[in-house]
Structures are given as C-alpha cells and as structure tokens.
C-alpha cells in the first residue's frame, strides 16, 4: 500500500505541476479557453498558484501525512470546481482535460487516508 501511495502521489504532483507550468506560460489557447468558460484573465495566475501549492503539498505529504491528505482533498475540490465550470459553460468536449488530475488527486487522497 505504501508503494502505491508514494507512486500515485509523485505521479499526481508531476502531472499537476505540468498543468501549472502551462498556466504560468499563459499561451493564448489557455486564455481563450478560460474566457470561454467565463473565467477572467486575471484569475489564471492565482489558479496556477493554487495548483502549485497543492502539488507541493502532495510531495510534503510524503513526510507529513496530514499535509498530503489536506493537499489531495484541496486538489480534488479544485478539479471538481474545474469540471463544474466547464459544464456550466457547456463546453462538454473539454471535460477530459481536468479528469486525469481529478482522478490522480482522488487516488492520492484515498491512499493517503489509508496509509
């Protein structure tokens, strides 16, 4: 179980850091998608900071389990919010994009709670 927790947590952190880097680079297609969901341009960097903090929290959770669980639950809520935002904007074709992060954060939360 511990090996699964460590593996899933590291993979989740890497994937979420990758998504954060894309937000920080701030390409036009990301800004365009966010606008189409009704998210203002100014919100992109704070959202990226939240993702980065969550990914760092996942890694910190490998040493301090309570931090990892809190970070994983926070990331689950973040990505559930992303899914809700996309559904409210009726861009159903974009739903697969937050799903890998949501699944990884959910798995990290479950494994953290069991570890």
N, C-alpha and C. Protein backbone atom coordinates (compact mmCIF):
# COMPACT_ATOMS: atom_id res chain seq x y z
N UNK A 1 0.82 -1.20 0.00
CA UNK A 1 0.00 0.00 0.00
C UNK A 1 0.87 1.26 0.00
N UNK A 2 1.95 1.23 0.78
CA UNK A 2 2.82 2.41 0.85
C UNK A 2 3.44 2.72 -0.50
N UNK A 3 3.85 1.69 -1.23
CA UNK A 3 4.44 1.90 -2.56
C UNK A 3 3.43 2.54 -3.51
N UNK A 4 2.20 2.07 -3.46
CA UNK A 4 1.15 2.65 -4.31
C UNK A 4 0.92 4.11 -3.95
N UNK A 5 0.88 4.41 -2.66
CA UNK A 5 0.67 5.79 -2.21
C UNK A 5 1.79 6.70 -2.71
N UNK A 6 3.03 6.27 -2.54
CA UNK A 6 4.17 7.08 -2.96
C UNK A 6 4.15 7.27 -4.48
N UNK A 7 3.90 6.21 -5.21
CA UNK A 7 3.89 6.29 -6.68
C UNK A 7 2.79 7.21 -7.17
N UNK A 8 1.58 7.00 -6.69
CA UNK A 8 0.45 7.83 -7.13
C UNK A 8 0.67 9.29 -6.75
N UNK A 9 1.18 9.52 -5.57
CA UNK A 9 1.41 10.90 -5.11
C UNK A 9 2.45 11.60 -5.98
N UNK A 10 3.53 10.92 -6.29
CA UNK A 10 4.56 11.54 -7.13
C UNK A 10 4.04 11.78 -8.54
N UNK A 11 3.33 10.81 -9.10
CA UNK A 11 2.77 11.00 -10.45
C UNK A 11 1.77 12.15 -10.44
N UNK A 12 0.91 12.21 -9.44
CA UNK A 12 -0.07 13.31 -9.34
C UNK A 12 0.64 14.65 -9.26
N UNK A 13 1.66 14.75 -8.43
CA UNK A 13 2.38 16.01 -8.28
C UNK A 13 3.03 16.43 -9.60
N UNK A 14 3.64 15.49 -10.31
CA UNK A 14 4.29 15.82 -11.58
C UNK A 14 3.27 16.28 -12.62
N UNK A 15 2.15 15.57 -12.73
CA UNK A 15 1.12 15.94 -13.70
C UNK A 15 0.54 17.31 -13.37
N UNK A 16 0.27 17.56 -12.10
CA UNK A 16 -0.32 18.83 -11.70
C UNK A 16 0.70 19.97 -11.85
N UNK A 17 1.97 19.71 -11.58
CA UNK A 17 3.00 20.71 -11.86
C UNK A 17 3.05 21.02 -13.35
N UNK A 18 2.92 20.00 -14.19
CA UNK A 18 2.89 20.22 -15.63
C UNK A 18 1.74 21.12 -16.05
N UNK A 19 0.58 20.88 -15.48
CA UNK A 19 -0.58 21.74 -15.77
C UNK A 19 -0.34 23.16 -15.27
N UNK A 20 0.35 23.28 -14.16
CA UNK A 20 0.66 24.59 -13.60
C UNK A 20 1.61 25.35 -14.52
N UNK A 21 2.61 24.67 -15.04
CA UNK A 21 3.57 25.31 -15.95
C UNK A 21 2.86 25.85 -17.18
N UNK A 22 1.92 25.08 -17.71
CA UNK A 22 1.16 25.55 -18.88
C UNK A 22 0.41 26.83 -18.52
N UNK A 23 -0.19 26.87 -17.34
CA UNK A 23 -0.90 28.08 -16.93
C UNK A 23 0.04 29.26 -16.74
N UNK A 24 1.23 29.02 -16.21
CA UNK A 24 2.18 30.10 -15.98
C UNK A 24 2.73 30.63 -17.30
N UNK A 25 2.99 29.73 -18.26
CA UNK A 25 3.46 30.16 -19.58
C UNK A 25 2.37 31.01 -20.25
N UNK A 26 1.11 30.70 -19.93
CA UNK A 26 -0.03 31.52 -20.30
C UNK A 26 -0.22 31.67 -21.82
N UNK A 27 -0.26 30.56 -22.56
CA UNK A 27 -0.47 30.67 -24.00
C UNK A 27 -1.88 31.17 -24.32
N UNK A 28 -2.05 31.69 -25.50
CA UNK A 28 -3.34 32.27 -25.90
C UNK A 28 -4.46 31.24 -25.86
N UNK A 29 -4.17 29.98 -26.21
CA UNK A 29 -5.25 28.98 -26.21
C UNK A 29 -5.78 28.72 -24.80
N UNK A 30 -4.91 28.84 -23.79
CA UNK A 30 -5.38 28.68 -22.41
C UNK A 30 -6.26 29.86 -22.03
N UNK A 31 -5.80 31.08 -22.34
CA UNK A 31 -6.60 32.27 -22.03
C UNK A 31 -7.93 32.22 -22.76
N UNK A 32 -7.91 31.78 -24.02
CA UNK A 32 -9.16 31.68 -24.78
C UNK A 32 -10.13 30.67 -24.18
N UNK A 33 -9.60 29.52 -23.78
CA UNK A 33 -10.47 28.52 -23.14
C UNK A 33 -11.05 29.05 -21.84
N UNK A 34 -10.21 29.68 -21.03
CA UNK A 34 -10.70 30.21 -19.76
C UNK A 34 -11.77 31.27 -19.98
N UNK A 35 -11.57 32.13 -20.97
CA UNK A 35 -12.60 33.14 -21.29
C UNK A 35 -13.90 32.47 -21.71
N UNK A 36 -13.79 31.41 -22.51
CA UNK A 36 -15.00 30.73 -22.97
C UNK A 36 -15.74 30.05 -21.82
N UNK A 37 -15.04 29.74 -20.74
CA UNK A 37 -15.68 29.17 -19.55
C UNK A 37 -16.24 30.25 -18.63
N UNK A 38 -15.93 31.51 -18.94
CA UNK A 38 -16.38 32.61 -18.09
C UNK A 38 -15.40 32.98 -16.99
N UNK A 39 -14.16 32.51 -17.10
CA UNK A 39 -13.13 32.81 -16.09
C UNK A 39 -12.32 34.00 -16.60
N UNK A 40 -12.21 35.07 -15.80
CA UNK A 40 -11.46 36.25 -16.25
C UNK A 40 -9.95 35.97 -16.35
N UNK A 41 -9.29 36.73 -17.20
CA UNK A 41 -7.84 36.55 -17.41
C UNK A 41 -7.05 36.70 -16.11
N UNK A 42 -7.45 37.62 -15.25
CA UNK A 42 -6.68 37.87 -14.03
C UNK A 42 -6.69 36.67 -13.09
N UNK A 43 -7.63 35.75 -13.25
CA UNK A 43 -7.74 34.61 -12.34
C UNK A 43 -6.77 33.48 -12.67
N UNK A 44 -6.15 33.52 -13.84
CA UNK A 44 -5.31 32.40 -14.26
C UNK A 44 -4.09 32.19 -13.35
N UNK A 45 -3.40 33.25 -12.99
CA UNK A 45 -2.21 33.09 -12.14
C UNK A 45 -2.56 32.65 -10.71
N UNK A 46 -3.60 33.22 -10.08
CA UNK A 46 -3.97 32.68 -8.76
C UNK A 46 -4.38 31.21 -8.82
N UNK A 47 -5.07 30.81 -9.88
CA UNK A 47 -5.44 29.40 -10.01
C UNK A 47 -4.20 28.52 -10.19
N UNK A 48 -3.22 29.03 -10.95
CA UNK A 48 -1.96 28.29 -11.11
C UNK A 48 -1.23 28.17 -9.78
N UNK A 49 -1.27 29.23 -8.98
CA UNK A 49 -0.61 29.19 -7.67
C UNK A 49 -1.28 28.17 -6.75
N UNK A 50 -2.60 28.07 -6.83
CA UNK A 50 -3.31 27.08 -6.02
C UNK A 50 -2.90 25.67 -6.43
N UNK A 51 -2.82 25.43 -7.74
CA UNK A 51 -2.39 24.10 -8.22
C UNK A 51 -0.96 23.80 -7.77
N UNK A 52 -0.08 24.79 -7.89
CA UNK A 52 1.32 24.57 -7.48
C UNK A 52 1.40 24.27 -5.99
N UNK A 53 0.65 25.00 -5.19
CA UNK A 53 0.64 24.75 -3.74
C UNK A 53 0.12 23.35 -3.43
N UNK A 54 -0.90 22.93 -4.16
CA UNK A 54 -1.44 21.58 -3.96
C UNK A 54 -0.43 20.51 -4.32
N UNK A 55 0.28 20.70 -5.43
CA UNK A 55 1.29 19.72 -5.84
C UNK A 55 2.44 19.67 -4.82
N UNK A 56 2.86 20.84 -4.34
CA UNK A 56 3.90 20.86 -3.30
C UNK A 56 3.40 20.19 -2.03
N UNK A 57 2.14 20.41 -1.71
CA UNK A 57 1.55 19.77 -0.53
C UNK A 57 1.51 18.27 -0.65
N UNK A 58 1.24 17.78 -1.87
CA UNK A 58 1.27 16.33 -2.08
C UNK A 58 2.65 15.77 -1.76
N UNK A 59 3.68 16.46 -2.26
CA UNK A 59 5.05 15.99 -2.01
C UNK A 59 5.41 16.11 -0.53
N UNK A 60 4.97 17.19 0.10
CA UNK A 60 5.23 17.34 1.54
C UNK A 60 4.52 16.24 2.33
N UNK A 61 3.42 15.75 1.78
CA UNK A 61 2.67 14.69 2.44
C UNK A 61 3.42 13.37 2.51
N UNK A 62 4.44 13.23 1.71
CA UNK A 62 5.26 12.02 1.80
C UNK A 62 6.03 11.99 3.12
N UNK A 63 6.22 13.17 3.72
CA UNK A 63 6.90 13.26 5.01
C UNK A 63 5.89 13.53 6.13
N UNK A 64 4.98 14.46 5.88
CA UNK A 64 3.95 14.84 6.87
C UNK A 64 2.59 14.47 6.31
N UNK A 65 2.06 13.34 6.73
CA UNK A 65 0.87 12.77 6.10
C UNK A 65 -0.34 13.69 6.14
N UNK A 66 -0.53 14.45 7.19
CA UNK A 66 -1.70 15.33 7.28
C UNK A 66 -1.67 16.40 6.19
N UNK A 67 -0.49 16.91 5.88
CA UNK A 67 -0.37 17.91 4.82
C UNK A 67 -0.73 17.30 3.47
N UNK A 68 -0.27 16.09 3.23
CA UNK A 68 -0.57 15.41 1.97
C UNK A 68 -2.06 15.16 1.80
N UNK A 69 -2.71 14.73 2.86
CA UNK A 69 -4.15 14.50 2.79
C UNK A 69 -4.90 15.80 2.54
N UNK A 70 -4.51 16.86 3.25
CA UNK A 70 -5.16 18.16 3.05
C UNK A 70 -4.95 18.66 1.63
N UNK A 71 -3.74 18.51 1.11
CA UNK A 71 -3.44 18.94 -0.26
C UNK A 71 -4.24 18.14 -1.27
N UNK A 72 -4.31 16.84 -1.08
CA UNK A 72 -5.05 15.98 -2.01
C UNK A 72 -6.53 16.33 -2.01
N UNK A 73 -7.10 16.53 -0.83
CA UNK A 73 -8.52 16.91 -0.75
C UNK A 73 -8.74 18.27 -1.40
N UNK A 74 -7.83 19.20 -1.14
CA UNK A 74 -7.92 20.52 -1.77
C UNK A 74 -7.86 20.43 -3.29
N UNK A 75 -6.98 19.59 -3.81
CA UNK A 75 -6.88 19.42 -5.26
C UNK A 75 -8.12 18.75 -5.83
N UNK A 76 -8.69 17.80 -5.11
CA UNK A 76 -9.94 17.19 -5.57
C UNK A 76 -11.01 18.27 -5.69
N UNK A 77 -11.14 19.11 -4.68
CA UNK A 77 -12.13 20.19 -4.73
C UNK A 77 -11.83 21.16 -5.87
N UNK A 78 -10.56 21.47 -6.08
CA UNK A 78 -10.16 22.36 -7.17
C UNK A 78 -10.61 21.80 -8.51
N UNK A 79 -10.31 20.53 -8.76
CA UNK A 79 -10.63 19.95 -10.06
C UNK A 79 -12.12 19.65 -10.21
N UNK A 80 -12.83 19.39 -9.12
CA UNK A 80 -14.29 19.30 -9.20
C UNK A 80 -14.84 20.67 -9.62
N UNK A 81 -14.27 21.73 -9.06
CA UNK A 81 -14.66 23.08 -9.47
C UNK A 81 -14.37 23.33 -10.94
N UNK A 82 -13.25 22.82 -11.43
CA UNK A 82 -12.92 22.97 -12.86
C UNK A 82 -13.95 22.26 -13.72
N UNK A 83 -14.34 21.05 -13.32
CA UNK A 83 -15.35 20.31 -14.08
C UNK A 83 -16.68 21.06 -14.06
N UNK A 84 -17.07 21.56 -12.90
CA UNK A 84 -18.33 22.32 -12.81
C UNK A 84 -18.28 23.56 -13.69
N UNK A 85 -17.16 24.25 -13.70
CA UNK A 85 -17.01 25.44 -14.53
C UNK A 85 -17.16 25.10 -16.01
N UNK A 86 -16.56 24.01 -16.44
CA UNK A 86 -16.65 23.60 -17.84
C UNK A 86 -18.08 23.18 -18.18
N UNK A 87 -18.73 22.46 -17.30
CA UNK A 87 -20.12 22.04 -17.54
C UNK A 87 -21.04 23.25 -17.60
N UNK A 88 -20.87 24.20 -16.69
CA UNK A 88 -21.71 25.40 -16.70
C UNK A 88 -21.54 26.19 -17.99
N UNK A 89 -20.34 26.17 -18.55
CA UNK A 89 -20.08 26.87 -19.81
C UNK A 89 -20.54 26.06 -21.02
N UNK A 90 -20.95 24.81 -20.78
CA UNK A 90 -21.43 23.90 -21.83
C UNK A 90 -20.35 23.55 -22.86
N UNK A 91 -19.11 23.46 -22.41
CA UNK A 91 -18.00 23.04 -23.26
C UNK A 91 -17.68 21.59 -22.93
N UNK A 92 -18.62 20.72 -23.18
CA UNK A 92 -18.51 19.32 -22.77
C UNK A 92 -17.31 18.61 -23.40
N UNK A 93 -16.90 19.05 -24.57
CA UNK A 93 -15.74 18.42 -25.22
C UNK A 93 -14.45 18.66 -24.44
N UNK A 94 -14.44 19.66 -23.56
CA UNK A 94 -13.24 19.96 -22.77
C UNK A 94 -13.22 19.23 -21.43
N UNK A 95 -14.24 18.46 -21.13
CA UNK A 95 -14.28 17.74 -19.85
C UNK A 95 -13.12 16.76 -19.64
N UNK A 96 -12.61 16.11 -20.68
CA UNK A 96 -11.49 15.18 -20.44
C UNK A 96 -10.21 15.84 -19.93
N UNK A 97 -10.06 17.14 -20.08
CA UNK A 97 -8.79 17.77 -19.71
C UNK A 97 -8.54 17.82 -18.20
N UNK A 98 -9.51 18.18 -17.36
CA UNK A 98 -9.21 18.15 -15.92
C UNK A 98 -9.33 16.76 -15.29
N UNK A 99 -9.89 15.81 -16.02
CA UNK A 99 -10.17 14.50 -15.43
C UNK A 99 -8.93 13.73 -14.96
N UNK A 100 -7.83 13.69 -15.72
CA UNK A 100 -6.66 12.95 -15.20
C UNK A 100 -6.16 13.52 -13.87
N UNK A 101 -6.15 14.84 -13.75
CA UNK A 101 -5.72 15.45 -12.49
C UNK A 101 -6.71 15.14 -11.37
N UNK A 102 -8.00 15.16 -11.69
CA UNK A 102 -9.02 14.83 -10.69
C UNK A 102 -8.88 13.39 -10.22
N UNK A 103 -8.67 12.48 -11.15
CA UNK A 103 -8.52 11.06 -10.79
C UNK A 103 -7.27 10.85 -9.95
N UNK A 104 -6.16 11.46 -10.36
CA UNK A 104 -4.91 11.30 -9.60
C UNK A 104 -5.01 11.92 -8.21
N UNK A 105 -5.62 13.10 -8.11
CA UNK A 105 -5.79 13.72 -6.79
C UNK A 105 -6.71 12.89 -5.91
N UNK A 106 -7.76 12.32 -6.50
CA UNK A 106 -8.67 11.47 -5.73
C UNK A 106 -7.96 10.21 -5.24
N UNK A 107 -7.17 9.61 -6.12
CA UNK A 107 -6.42 8.42 -5.72
C UNK A 107 -5.41 8.75 -4.63
N UNK A 108 -4.74 9.89 -4.76
CA UNK A 108 -3.78 10.29 -3.73
C UNK A 108 -4.49 10.53 -2.39
N UNK A 109 -5.67 11.12 -2.44
CA UNK A 109 -6.43 11.36 -1.20
C UNK A 109 -6.83 10.04 -0.55
N UNK A 110 -7.34 9.12 -1.35
CA UNK A 110 -7.75 7.82 -0.80
C UNK A 110 -6.57 7.05 -0.22
N UNK A 111 -5.48 7.00 -0.97
CA UNK A 111 -4.31 6.26 -0.50
C UNK A 111 -3.67 6.94 0.71
N UNK A 112 -3.72 8.28 0.74
CA UNK A 112 -3.18 9.00 1.89
C UNK A 112 -4.00 8.70 3.14
N UNK A 113 -5.31 8.62 2.98
CA UNK A 113 -6.17 8.33 4.13
C UNK A 113 -5.94 6.91 4.65
N UNK A 114 -5.57 6.00 3.75
CA UNK A 114 -5.35 4.61 4.14
C UNK A 114 -3.93 4.33 4.62
N UNK A 115 -3.00 5.19 4.24
CA UNK A 115 -1.58 4.95 4.57
C UNK A 115 -1.27 5.22 6.02
